[in-house]
């Protein structure tokens, strides 16, 4: 389990702290709790990593969000057209519905990826968080 949690991509797929891979990035785990969609703690509860390094830091995640939605839109169109053979109007409507349904996920993953770009994984912070969680078990 530890080696899996140390993988470079684990932090953003699990929406965990990019530094220690233990603390949650968002206060609520459910991305479809729209009232608390973007609620993030100021710091990682496990290693103390600051989640808001500067004012407006997450504006850059808009570019990540754009790339993610374009990627999923292309995948949706390819699936709806090539596999299911839908006509153009159904492809447009189907893609719009799928993109709208995934908006909370795209929002959260784009923030997680953006933070991961600037905060490297720390083996030391990971091990400290492991020891801390093992002490509570």
Foldseek 3Di string as FASTA:
>chain_A
DLVVLQDQCLCLVCCAQQAQSPFHQAPDPDCPPVVRLPHGDQAGPQQGHGLDPDPPLCVVLVVVLVVVLVVVLVVQLCCCCVVVNDDPVCSVVVSVVVSVVCVSVSSSSSSRVSSSVVHHYHPVSNVSSVVVVVVVD
